[in-house]
Amino acid sequence: MVALSQLRALGLSKSGVAERAKAGRLHRIHRGVYAVGHPRLTKPGRWMAAVLACGPRAVLSHRSAAGLWGLRPDNRPNTDVSLPLPSARPRAGLDVHATTTLRPEDTTSRDGIPCTTVARTLLDLADVVPPRTVERAVEQAEMLRLFDMRAVEEILTHANGRRGAAVLRNVLADLNDDPGLTANDLEDRFLELCRAAGLPRPKVNQWLELDDGPPIRADFLWRRERLIVETDGWDSHGTRQGFERDRLRDQRAQLAGWRVLRFTRRQVLREPDGAMATTGALLAR
C-alpha cells in the first residue's frame, strides 16, 4: 500500500502516478491511496489502506485494532480509524472516529500498521460493542500476554467520562471478583471438571522430553492423544522473557507432534462447559 503523498515524495509527478495506474502498476483503493502491483488486498492491506487514506496522524482503532491485535475477529466491510482531531469528515468504507483524547502514547504500530495500544483499543472497543464482548477481549489479551493492568488504569484516568470507560471498569471489577484460587486450586478444579465430563484423567505437572532441548513441564498431559493443556491464572502476565519462553516452548511441542491448549483461570471457573467441550473435542481427534 502506498499513499499519493509518499509517491510524490519519491519524485513521481501527478501524471506519472496516473500513467502507472493506467498501466496496471498502481490500483486506486481510496482517494490518494494505491495498491502496488495488484488490487487483491489481504485484511492487513485493507487496514493499512484505511489508515493511509486518513492522513499521517491516523491510526487503526476500535474493532479493527482489536482484530489486528488478535483480541477478537473483525470481519466487517468497514474499517475503524481514529484521528486526534475535534472533527473529521466521513469516508466511504471507513468508520472515522475524531477524538481529542488520543495522545501519542496511546498509539503504536503492529506489523507496520499504525494503531492504538492494547489498553486504548480496549477502551475504544468498550464504546462500540456489548460488555460481554469487551470481557472476552480482555480475557484474550490476558491469554496472549498483552494485557497490562497499569496501562489500562492509566488510560482510564484520561477517559473523560466516555461510556466505554464505565463498561471497561465494570468488566475489570467483575474479573477481579473471581475466587482467589492458587495454581494448585485451579489444577484441582480442572481435574474435577475433566472427571465430571467423563474425560480420560490426565497426568498433572509432567516433565516431557521433546527434542534435544531441555524438557518442559506440562500442567496437564494426555500422552496417547498427544495433548497438553495449560491453565493460566489472572496474575500470570509474565515478563517479556517469560512471554518469549512460553512461545518457544509451545512451538517446540507443536513441532514434536503435540497439540497445546491454553485456558485462562476465568474460562475454567466461569465457562467450564466450553473448556471441557474444547478439550473433549481435541481428545476425540
C-alpha atoms as a PDB file:
ATOM      1  CA  MET A   1       0.000   0.000   0.000  1.00  0.00           C
ATOM      2  CA  VAL A   2       1.233   3.486  -0.776  1.00  0.00           C
ATOM      3  CA  ALA A   3      -0.187   6.995  -0.431  1.00  0.00           C
ATOM      4  CA  LEU A   4      -0.048   9.633  -3.133  1.00  0.00           C
ATOM      5  CA  SER A   5       1.984  11.857  -0.795  1.00  0.00           C
ATOM      6  CA  GLN A   6       4.571   9.076  -0.487  1.00  0.00           C
ATOM      7  CA  LEU A   7       4.766   8.667  -4.240  1.00  0.00           C
ATOM      8  CA  ARG A   8       5.207  12.420  -4.662  1.00  0.00           C
ATOM      9  CA  ALA A   9       7.969  12.380  -2.026  1.00  0.00           C
ATOM     10  CA  LEU A  10       9.721   9.730  -4.120  1.00  0.00           C
ATOM     11  CA  GLY A  11       9.693  12.101  -7.092  1.00  0.00           C
ATOM     12  CA  LEU A  12       6.664  10.924  -9.059  1.00  0.00           C
ATOM     13  CA  SER A  13       4.541  13.620 -10.659  1.00  0.00           C
ATOM     14  CA  LYS A  14       0.737  13.504 -10.742  1.00  0.00           C
ATOM     15  CA  SER A  15       0.886  12.459 -14.391  1.00  0.00           C
ATOM     16  CA  GLY A  16       3.472   9.792 -13.533  1.00  0.00           C
ATOM     17  CA  VAL A  17       1.123   8.311 -10.968  1.00  0.00           C
ATOM     18  CA  ALA A  18      -1.746   8.428 -13.476  1.00  0.00           C
ATOM     19  CA  GLU A  19       0.372   6.637 -16.109  1.00  0.00           C
ATOM     20  CA  ARG A  20       1.266   3.852 -13.677  1.00  0.00           C
ATOM     21  CA  ALA A  21      -2.364   3.487 -12.662  1.00  0.00           C
ATOM     22  CA  LYS A  22      -3.413   3.246 -16.313  1.00  0.00           C
ATOM     23  CA  ALA A  23      -0.728   0.614 -16.932  1.00  0.00           C
ATOM     24  CA  GLY A  24      -1.980  -1.507 -14.014  1.00  0.00           C
ATOM     25  CA  ARG A  25       1.064  -0.978 -11.807  1.00  0.00           C
ATOM     26  CA  LEU A  26      -0.920   1.071  -9.290  1.00  0.00           C
ATOM     27  CA  HIS A  27      -4.510   0.364  -8.280  1.00  0.00           C
ATOM     28  CA  ARG A  28      -6.633   3.015  -6.545  1.00  0.00           C
ATOM     29  CA  ILE A  29      -8.144   1.762  -3.265  1.00  0.00           C
ATOM     30  CA  HIS A  30      -9.134   5.079  -1.673  1.00  0.00           C
ATOM     31  CA  ARG A  31      -8.669   8.624  -2.837  1.00  0.00           C
ATOM     32  CA  GLY A  32      -4.901   9.149  -2.742  1.00  0.00           C
ATOM     33  CA  VAL A  33      -4.134   5.525  -1.764  1.00  0.00           C
ATOM     34  CA  TYR A  34      -2.928   2.791  -4.116  1.00  0.00           C
ATOM     35  CA  ALA A  35      -2.142  -0.912  -4.037  1.00  0.00           C
ATOM     36  CA  VAL A  36       1.108  -1.742  -5.788  1.00  0.00           C
ATOM     37  CA  GLY A  37       1.083  -4.471  -8.443  1.00  0.00           C
ATOM     38  CA  HIS A  38      -2.432  -5.867  -7.938  1.00  0.00           C
ATOM     39  CA  PRO A  39      -5.691  -4.843  -6.231  1.00  0.00           C
ATOM     40  CA  ARG A  40      -6.291  -8.052  -4.233  1.00  0.00           C
ATOM     41  CA  LEU A  41      -5.978  -6.930  -0.630  1.00  0.00           C
ATOM     42  CA  THR A  42      -5.389  -9.006   2.450  1.00  0.00           C
ATOM     43  CA  LYS A  43      -7.142  -7.841   5.599  1.00  0.00           C
ATOM     44  CA  PRO A  44      -3.952  -6.123   6.891  1.00  0.00           C
ATOM     45  CA  GLY A  45      -3.620  -4.485   3.472  1.00  0.00           C
ATOM     46  CA  ARG A  46      -7.155  -3.142   3.727  1.00  0.00           C
ATOM     47  CA  TRP A  47      -6.432  -1.837   7.232  1.00  0.00           C
ATOM     48  CA  MET A  48      -3.227  -0.150   6.059  1.00  0.00           C
ATOM     49  CA  ALA A  49      -5.066   1.438   3.126  1.00  0.00           C
ATOM     50  CA  ALA A  50      -7.658   2.861   5.510  1.00  0.00           C
ATOM     51  CA  VAL A  51      -5.005   4.435   7.735  1.00  0.00           C
ATOM     52  CA  LEU A  52      -3.174   5.930   4.744  1.00  0.00           C
ATOM     53  CA  ALA A  53      -6.447   7.331   3.418  1.00  0.00           C
ATOM     54  CA  CYS A  54      -6.961   9.381   6.581  1.00  0.00           C
ATOM     55  CA  GLY A  55      -3.544  11.020   6.699  1.00  0.00           C
ATOM     56  CA  PRO A  56      -0.278  10.797   8.667  1.00  0.00           C
ATOM     57  CA  ARG A  57      -1.928  11.227  12.101  1.00  0.00           C
ATOM     58  CA  ALA A  58      -4.458   8.436  11.603  1.00  0.00           C
ATOM     59  CA  VAL A  59      -4.307   5.102  13.428  1.00  0.00           C
ATOM     60  CA  LEU A  60      -6.283   1.889  13.228  1.00  0.00           C
ATOM     61  CA  SER A  61      -8.642   1.698  16.238  1.00  0.00           C
ATOM     62  CA  HIS A  62     -11.731   0.180  17.871  1.00  0.00           C
ATOM     63  CA  ARG A  63     -12.883  -3.131  16.318  1.00  0.00           C
ATOM     64  CA  SER A  64     -10.247  -3.088  13.601  1.00  0.00           C
ATOM     65  CA  ALA A  65      -7.388  -2.556  16.057  1.00  0.00           C
ATOM     66  CA  ALA A  66      -8.800  -5.377  18.190  1.00  0.00           C
ATOM     67  CA  GLY A  67      -8.637  -7.561  15.091  1.00  0.00           C
ATOM     68  CA  LEU A  68      -5.046  -6.521  14.399  1.00  0.00           C
ATOM     69  CA  TRP A  69      -4.007  -7.353  17.994  1.00  0.00           C
ATOM     70  CA  GLY A  70      -5.828 -10.694  17.841  1.00  0.00           C
ATOM     71  CA  LEU A  71      -8.286  -9.769  20.607  1.00  0.00           C
ATOM     72  CA  ARG A  72     -11.377 -10.577  18.516  1.00  0.00           C
ATOM     73  CA  PRO A  73     -12.189 -11.105  14.826  1.00  0.00           C
ATOM     74  CA  ASP A  74     -13.225  -8.117  12.732  1.00  0.00           C
ATOM     75  CA  ASN A  75     -14.957  -9.217   9.547  1.00  0.00           C
ATOM     76  CA  ARG A  76     -16.958  -6.036   8.910  1.00  0.00           C
ATOM     77  CA  PRO A  77     -16.700  -4.367   5.492  1.00  0.00           C
ATOM     78  CA  ASN A  78     -15.794  -1.036   7.142  1.00  0.00           C
ATOM     79  CA  THR A  79     -12.540  -0.214   8.931  1.00  0.00           C
ATOM     80  CA  ASP A  80     -12.242   1.805  12.164  1.00  0.00           C
ATOM     81  CA  VAL A  81      -9.722   4.656  12.054  1.00  0.00           C
ATOM     82  CA  SER A  82      -9.122   7.321  14.727  1.00  0.00           C
ATOM     83  CA  LEU A  83      -7.797  10.847  14.288  1.00  0.00           C
ATOM     84  CA  PRO A  84      -6.660  13.176  17.112  1.00  0.00           C
ATOM     85  CA  LEU A  85      -8.991  15.947  15.932  1.00  0.00           C
ATOM     86  CA  PRO A  86     -12.239  17.544  17.163  1.00  0.00           C
ATOM     87  CA  SER A  87     -13.985  16.507  13.943  1.00  0.00           C
ATOM     88  CA  ALA A  88     -13.354  14.518  10.779  1.00  0.00           C
ATOM     89  CA  ARG A  89     -15.239  14.109   7.524  1.00  0.00           C
ATOM     90  CA  PRO A  90     -16.730  10.692   6.732  1.00  0.00           C
ATOM     91  CA  ARG A  91     -15.168   8.473   4.086  1.00  0.00           C
ATOM     92  CA  ALA A  92     -16.688   5.609   2.148  1.00  0.00           C
ATOM     93  CA  GLY A  93     -15.824   2.229   3.619  1.00  0.00           C
ATOM     94  CA  LEU A  94     -14.350   3.774   6.775  1.00  0.00           C
ATOM     95  CA  ASP A  95     -15.674   4.484  10.243  1.00  0.00           C
ATOM     96  CA  VAL A  96     -13.664   7.590  11.114  1.00  0.00           C
ATOM     97  CA  HIS A  97     -13.548   8.471  14.835  1.00  0.00           C
ATOM     98  CA  ALA A  98     -12.479  12.015  15.696  1.00  0.00           C
ATOM     99  CA  THR A  99     -11.236  12.304  19.278  1.00  0.00           C
ATOM    100  CA  THR A 100      -9.426  14.920  21.335  1.00  0.00           C
ATOM    101  CA  THR A 101      -8.284  12.342  23.927  1.00  0.00           C
ATOM    102  CA  LEU A 102      -5.989  10.344  21.626  1.00  0.00           C
ATOM    103  CA  ARG A 103      -2.447  11.022  22.861  1.00  0.00           C
ATOM    104  CA  PRO A 104       0.834   9.993  21.190  1.00  0.00           C
ATOM    105  CA  GLU A 105       1.424   7.476  23.998  1.00  0.00           C
ATOM    106  CA  ASP A 106      -1.913   5.836  23.127  1.00  0.00           C
ATOM    107  CA  THR A 107      -0.604   4.856  19.692  1.00  0.00           C
ATOM    108  CA  THR A 108       1.938   2.373  18.407  1.00  0.00           C
ATOM    109  CA  SER A 109       2.304   0.121  15.372  1.00  0.00           C
ATOM    110  CA  ARG A 110       1.849  -3.600  14.806  1.00  0.00           C
ATOM    111  CA  ASP A 111       3.040  -5.364  11.672  1.00  0.00           C
ATOM    112  CA  GLY A 112       3.875  -1.912  10.308  1.00  0.00           C
ATOM    113  CA  ILE A 113       0.314  -0.610  10.699  1.00  0.00           C
ATOM    114  CA  PRO A 114      -0.154   2.486  12.934  1.00  0.00           C
ATOM    115  CA  CYS A 115      -2.717   1.561  15.581  1.00  0.00           C
ATOM    116  CA  THR A 116      -3.897   2.212  19.122  1.00  0.00           C
ATOM    117  CA  THR A 117      -2.208   0.425  22.010  1.00  0.00           C
ATOM    118  CA  VAL A 118      -3.918  -2.600  23.551  1.00  0.00           C
ATOM    119  CA  ALA A 119      -5.092  -0.520  26.529  1.00  0.00           C
ATOM    120  CA  ARG A 120      -6.569   2.210  24.310  1.00  0.00           C
ATOM    121  CA  THR A 121      -8.049  -0.408  21.984  1.00  0.00           C
ATOM    122  CA  LEU A 122      -9.927  -1.989  24.907  1.00  0.00           C
ATOM    123  CA  LEU A 123     -11.297   1.419  25.917  1.00  0.00           C
ATOM    124  CA  ASP A 124     -12.382   2.245  22.358  1.00  0.00           C
ATOM    125  CA  LEU A 125     -13.861  -1.216  21.913  1.00  0.00           C
ATOM    126  CA  ALA A 126     -15.987  -0.720  25.031  1.00  0.00           C
ATOM    127  CA  ASP A 127     -17.609   2.263  23.280  1.00  0.00           C
ATOM    128  CA  VAL A 128     -18.940   0.229  20.363  1.00  0.00           C
ATOM    129  CA  VAL A 129     -19.561  -3.402  21.427  1.00  0.00           C
ATOM    130  CA  PRO A 130     -21.534  -5.125  24.229  1.00  0.00           C
ATOM    131  CA  PRO A 131     -19.862  -5.587  27.649  1.00  0.00           C
ATOM    132  CA  ARG A 132     -19.604  -9.368  27.167  1.00  0.00           C
ATOM    133  CA  THR A 133     -17.547  -8.808  24.026  1.00  0.00           C
ATOM    134  CA  VAL A 134     -15.232  -6.466  25.956  1.00  0.00           C
ATOM    135  CA  GLU A 135     -14.865  -9.107  28.651  1.00  0.00           C
ATOM    136  CA  ARG A 136     -13.826 -11.699  26.089  1.00  0.00           C
ATOM    137  CA  ALA A 137     -11.344  -9.266  24.531  1.00  0.00           C
ATOM    138  CA  VAL A 138      -9.758  -8.641  27.942  1.00  0.00           C
ATOM    139  CA  GLU A 139      -9.517 -12.397  28.529  1.00  0.00           C
ATOM    140  CA  GLN A 140      -7.928 -12.869  25.105  1.00  0.00           C
ATOM    141  CA  ALA A 141      -5.437 -10.079  25.806  1.00  0.00           C
ATOM    142  CA  GLU A 142      -4.500 -11.820  29.033  1.00  0.00           C
ATOM    143  CA  MET A 143      -4.152 -15.164  27.302  1.00  0.00           C
ATOM    144  CA  LEU A 144      -1.889 -13.600  24.644  1.00  0.00           C
ATOM    145  CA  ARG A 145       0.111 -11.912  27.435  1.00  0.00           C
ATOM    146  CA  LEU A 146      -0.759  -8.493  26.002  1.00  0.00           C
ATOM    147  CA  PHE A 147      -2.784  -7.273  28.981  1.00  0.00           C
ATOM    148  CA  ASP A 148      -1.181  -4.635  31.223  1.00  0.00           C
ATOM    149  CA  MET A 149      -3.392  -3.552  34.117  1.00  0.00           C
ATOM    150  CA  ARG A 150      -1.302  -0.452  34.850  1.00  0.00           C
ATOM    151  CA  ALA A 151      -1.607   0.717  31.247  1.00  0.00           C
ATOM    152  CA  VAL A 152      -5.386   0.178  31.317  1.00  0.00           C
ATOM    153  CA  GLU A 153      -5.744   2.034  34.632  1.00  0.00           C
ATOM    154  CA  GLU A 154      -3.660   4.880  33.248  1.00  0.00           C
ATOM    155  CA  ILE A 155      -5.748   5.108  30.082  1.00  0.00           C
ATOM    156  CA  LEU A 156      -8.929   5.219  32.177  1.00  0.00           C
ATOM    157  CA  THR A 157      -7.694   8.311  34.040  1.00  0.00           C
ATOM    158  CA  HIS A 158      -7.813  10.195  30.701  1.00  0.00           C
ATOM    159  CA  ALA A 159     -11.143   8.770  29.512  1.00  0.00           C
ATOM    160  CA  ASN A 160     -13.087  11.979  30.381  1.00  0.00           C
ATOM    161  CA  GLY A 161     -16.461  10.365  31.075  1.00  0.00           C
ATOM    162  CA  ARG A 162     -16.639   8.162  27.997  1.00  0.00           C
ATOM    163  CA  ARG A 163     -19.275   5.431  28.024  1.00  0.00           C
ATOM    164  CA  GLY A 164     -16.582   2.861  27.301  1.00  0.00           C
ATOM    165  CA  ALA A 165     -14.717   3.805  30.489  1.00  0.00           C
ATOM    166  CA  ALA A 166     -17.642   2.725  32.674  1.00  0.00           C
ATOM    167  CA  VAL A 167     -18.045  -0.515  30.711  1.00  0.00           C
ATOM    168  CA  LEU A 168     -14.345  -1.339  30.938  1.00  0.00           C
ATOM    169  CA  ARG A 169     -14.210  -0.544  34.673  1.00  0.00           C
ATOM    170  CA  ASN A 170     -17.177  -2.848  35.296  1.00  0.00           C
ATOM    171  CA  VAL A 171     -15.549  -5.640  33.297  1.00  0.00           C
ATOM    172  CA  LEU A 172     -12.302  -5.301  35.252  1.00  0.00           C
ATOM    173  CA  ALA A 173     -14.156  -5.209  38.563  1.00  0.00           C
ATOM    174  CA  ASP A 174     -16.017  -8.378  37.617  1.00  0.00           C
ATOM    175  CA  LEU A 175     -12.790 -10.108  36.648  1.00  0.00           C
ATOM    176  CA  ASN A 176     -11.159  -9.141  39.923  1.00  0.00           C
ATOM    177  CA  ASP A 177     -14.117 -10.647  41.805  1.00  0.00           C
ATOM    178  CA  ASP A 178     -13.035 -14.141  40.718  1.00  0.00           C
ATOM    179  CA  PRO A 179     -12.328 -16.500  43.634  1.00  0.00           C
ATOM    180  CA  GLY A 180      -8.717 -16.296  44.697  1.00  0.00           C
ATOM    181  CA  LEU A 181      -7.584 -19.739  43.616  1.00  0.00           C
ATOM    182  CA  THR A 182      -3.933 -20.641  43.717  1.00  0.00           C
ATOM    183  CA  ALA A 183      -2.326 -22.539  40.854  1.00  0.00           C
ATOM    184  CA  ASN A 184      -2.855 -25.825  42.696  1.00  0.00           C
ATOM    185  CA  ASP A 185      -6.519 -24.968  43.395  1.00  0.00           C
ATOM    186  CA  LEU A 186      -7.002 -24.206  39.721  1.00  0.00           C
ATOM    187  CA  GLU A 187      -5.453 -27.534  38.747  1.00  0.00           C
ATOM    188  CA  ASP A 188      -7.730 -29.332  41.212  1.00  0.00           C
ATOM    189  CA  ARG A 189     -10.741 -27.594  39.692  1.00  0.00           C
ATOM    190  CA  PHE A 190      -9.683 -28.507  36.157  1.00  0.00           C
ATOM    191  CA  LEU A 191      -9.285 -32.149  37.201  1.00  0.00           C
ATOM    192  CA  GLU A 192     -12.755 -32.108  38.770  1.00  0.00           C
ATOM    193  CA  LEU A 193     -14.191 -30.779  35.525  1.00  0.00           C
ATOM    194  CA  CYS A 194     -12.446 -33.487  33.493  1.00  0.00           C
ATOM    195  CA  ARG A 195     -13.828 -36.132  35.839  1.00  0.00           C
ATOM    196  CA  ALA A 196     -17.375 -34.709  35.700  1.00  0.00           C
ATOM    197  CA  ALA A 197     -17.209 -34.522  31.896  1.00  0.00           C
ATOM    198  CA  GLY A 198     -16.117 -38.160  31.647  1.00  0.00           C
ATOM    199  CA  LEU A 199     -12.779 -37.298  30.046  1.00  0.00           C
ATOM    200  CA  PRO A 200      -9.712 -39.515  30.484  1.00  0.00           C
ATOM    201  CA  ARG A 201      -7.710 -38.434  33.531  1.00  0.00           C
ATOM    202  CA  PRO A 202      -4.608 -36.504  32.505  1.00  0.00           C
ATOM    203  CA  LYS A 203      -1.183 -36.631  34.085  1.00  0.00           C
ATOM    204  CA  VAL A 204      -0.516 -33.477  36.108  1.00  0.00           C
ATOM    205  CA  ASN A 205       2.709 -31.428  36.149  1.00  0.00           C
ATOM    206  CA  GLN A 206       4.536 -33.950  33.979  1.00  0.00           C
ATOM    207  CA  TRP A 207       8.000 -33.440  32.552  1.00  0.00           C
ATOM    208  CA  LEU A 208       8.172 -34.136  28.845  1.00  0.00           C
ATOM    209  CA  GLU A 209      11.175 -34.737  26.588  1.00  0.00           C
ATOM    210  CA  LEU A 210      10.513 -33.109  23.225  1.00  0.00           C
ATOM    211  CA  ASP A 211      13.800 -32.854  21.352  1.00  0.00           C
ATOM    212  CA  ASP A 212      17.446 -32.210  22.100  1.00  0.00           C
ATOM    213  CA  GLY A 213      16.483 -29.184  24.189  1.00  0.00           C
ATOM    214  CA  PRO A 214      15.575 -29.083  27.874  1.00  0.00           C
ATOM    215  CA  PRO A 215      12.417 -30.938  28.948  1.00  0.00           C
ATOM    216  CA  ILE A 216       9.223 -28.975  29.544  1.00  0.00           C
ATOM    217  CA  ARG A 217       6.694 -29.366  32.344  1.00  0.00           C
ATOM    218  CA  ALA A 218       3.053 -29.597  31.257  1.00  0.00           C
ATOM    219  CA  ASP A 219       0.186 -28.649  33.563  1.00  0.00           C
ATOM    220  CA  PHE A 220      -1.962 -31.450  32.119  1.00  0.00           C
ATOM    221  CA  LEU A 221      -0.826 -34.158  29.753  1.00  0.00           C
ATOM    222  CA  TRP A 222      -2.568 -36.869  27.754  1.00  0.00           C
ATOM    223  CA  ARG A 223       0.274 -38.927  26.266  1.00  0.00           C
ATOM    224  CA  ARG A 224      -1.704 -41.244  23.983  1.00  0.00           C
ATOM    225  CA  GLU A 225      -3.668 -38.335  22.489  1.00  0.00           C
ATOM    226  CA  ARG A 226      -0.543 -36.113  22.496  1.00  0.00           C
ATOM    227  CA  LEU A 227      -2.408 -33.194  24.062  1.00  0.00           C
ATOM    228  CA  ILE A 228      -1.041 -30.624  26.522  1.00  0.00           C
ATOM    229  CA  VAL A 229      -3.329 -28.243  28.445  1.00  0.00           C
ATOM    230  CA  GLU A 230      -2.018 -25.197  30.297  1.00  0.00           C
ATOM    231  CA  THR A 231      -4.089 -23.159  32.771  1.00  0.00           C
ATOM    232  CA  ASP A 232      -3.027 -19.524  33.102  1.00  0.00           C
ATOM    233  CA  GLY A 233      -4.118 -17.569  36.179  1.00  0.00           C
ATOM    234  CA  TRP A 234      -5.294 -13.943  36.090  1.00  0.00           C
ATOM    235  CA  ASP A 235      -1.972 -12.756  37.514  1.00  0.00           C
ATOM    236  CA  SER A 236       0.140 -14.792  35.089  1.00  0.00           C
ATOM    237  CA  HIS A 237       1.166 -11.898  32.883  1.00  0.00           C
ATOM    238  CA  GLY A 238       4.843 -12.755  32.968  1.00  0.00           C
ATOM    239  CA  THR A 239       7.868 -10.818  31.871  1.00  0.00           C
ATOM    240  CA  ARG A 240       8.987 -10.296  28.296  1.00  0.00           C
ATOM    241  CA  GLN A 241      11.438 -13.157  28.827  1.00  0.00           C
ATOM    242  CA  GLY A 242       8.619 -15.359  30.111  1.00  0.00           C
ATOM    243  CA  PHE A 243       6.439 -14.430  27.147  1.00  0.00           C
ATOM    244  CA  GLU A 244       9.183 -15.442  24.701  1.00  0.00           C
ATOM    245  CA  ARG A 245       9.941 -18.627  26.651  1.00  0.00           C
ATOM    246  CA  ASP A 246       6.295 -19.741  26.615  1.00  0.00           C
ATOM    247  CA  ARG A 247       6.015 -19.184  22.852  1.00  0.00           C
ATOM    248  CA  LEU A 248       9.210 -21.102  22.168  1.00  0.00           C
ATOM    249  CA  ARG A 249       8.017 -23.886  24.447  1.00  0.00           C
ATOM    250  CA  ASP A 250       4.684 -24.173  22.610  1.00  0.00           C
ATOM    251  CA  GLN A 251       6.430 -24.135  19.228  1.00  0.00           C
ATOM    252  CA  ARG A 252       8.753 -26.953  20.295  1.00  0.00           C
ATOM    253  CA  ALA A 253       5.774 -29.004  21.453  1.00  0.00           C
ATOM    254  CA  GLN A 254       3.912 -28.419  18.177  1.00  0.00           C
ATOM    255  CA  LEU A 255       6.966 -29.429  16.131  1.00  0.00           C
ATOM    256  CA  ALA A 256       7.237 -32.609  18.191  1.00  0.00           C
ATOM    257  CA  GLY A 257       3.649 -33.528  17.298  1.00  0.00           C
ATOM    258  CA  TRP A 258       1.849 -32.280  20.421  1.00  0.00           C
ATOM    259  CA  ARG A 259      -1.175 -30.002  20.499  1.00  0.00           C
ATOM    260  CA  VAL A 260      -1.067 -27.237  23.120  1.00  0.00           C
ATOM    261  CA  LEU A 261      -4.278 -25.767  24.533  1.00  0.00           C
ATOM    262  CA  ARG A 262      -4.333 -22.832  26.956  1.00  0.00           C
ATOM    263  CA  PHE A 263      -7.231 -21.784  29.209  1.00  0.00           C
ATOM    264  CA  THR A 264      -7.421 -18.686  31.391  1.00  0.00           C
ATOM    265  CA  ARG A 265      -8.479 -19.062  35.002  1.00  0.00           C
ATOM    266  CA  ARG A 266     -11.726 -17.297  34.165  1.00  0.00           C
ATOM    267  CA  GLN A 267     -12.503 -19.797  31.415  1.00  0.00           C
ATOM    268  CA  VAL A 268     -12.003 -22.676  33.832  1.00  0.00           C
ATOM    269  CA  LEU A 269     -14.126 -21.068  36.558  1.00  0.00           C
ATOM    270  CA  ARG A 270     -16.816 -19.191  34.621  1.00  0.00           C
ATOM    271  CA  GLU A 271     -17.039 -21.119  31.346  1.00  0.00           C
ATOM    272  CA  PRO A 272     -16.252 -24.717  32.309  1.00  0.00           C
ATOM    273  CA  ASP A 273     -18.622 -26.241  29.739  1.00  0.00           C
ATOM    274  CA  GLY A 274     -16.766 -24.524  26.912  1.00  0.00           C
ATOM    275  CA  ALA A 275     -13.372 -25.546  28.286  1.00  0.00           C
ATOM    276  CA  MET A 276     -14.450 -29.170  28.602  1.00  0.00           C
ATOM    277  CA  ALA A 277     -16.101 -29.219  25.178  1.00  0.00           C
ATOM    278  CA  THR A 278     -12.897 -27.955  23.552  1.00  0.00           C
ATOM    279  CA  THR A 279     -10.708 -30.373  25.487  1.00  0.00           C
ATOM    280  CA  GLY A 280     -13.013 -33.283  24.735  1.00  0.00           C
ATOM    281  CA  ALA A 281     -13.130 -32.438  21.037  1.00  0.00           C
ATOM    282  CA  LEU A 282      -9.344 -32.432  20.771  1.00  0.00           C
ATOM    283  CA  LEU A 283      -9.039 -35.666  22.726  1.00  0.00           C
ATOM    284  CA  ALA A 284     -11.573 -37.280  20.400  1.00  0.00           C
ATOM    285  CA  ARG A 285      -9.431 -36.424  17.394  1.00  0.00           C
END
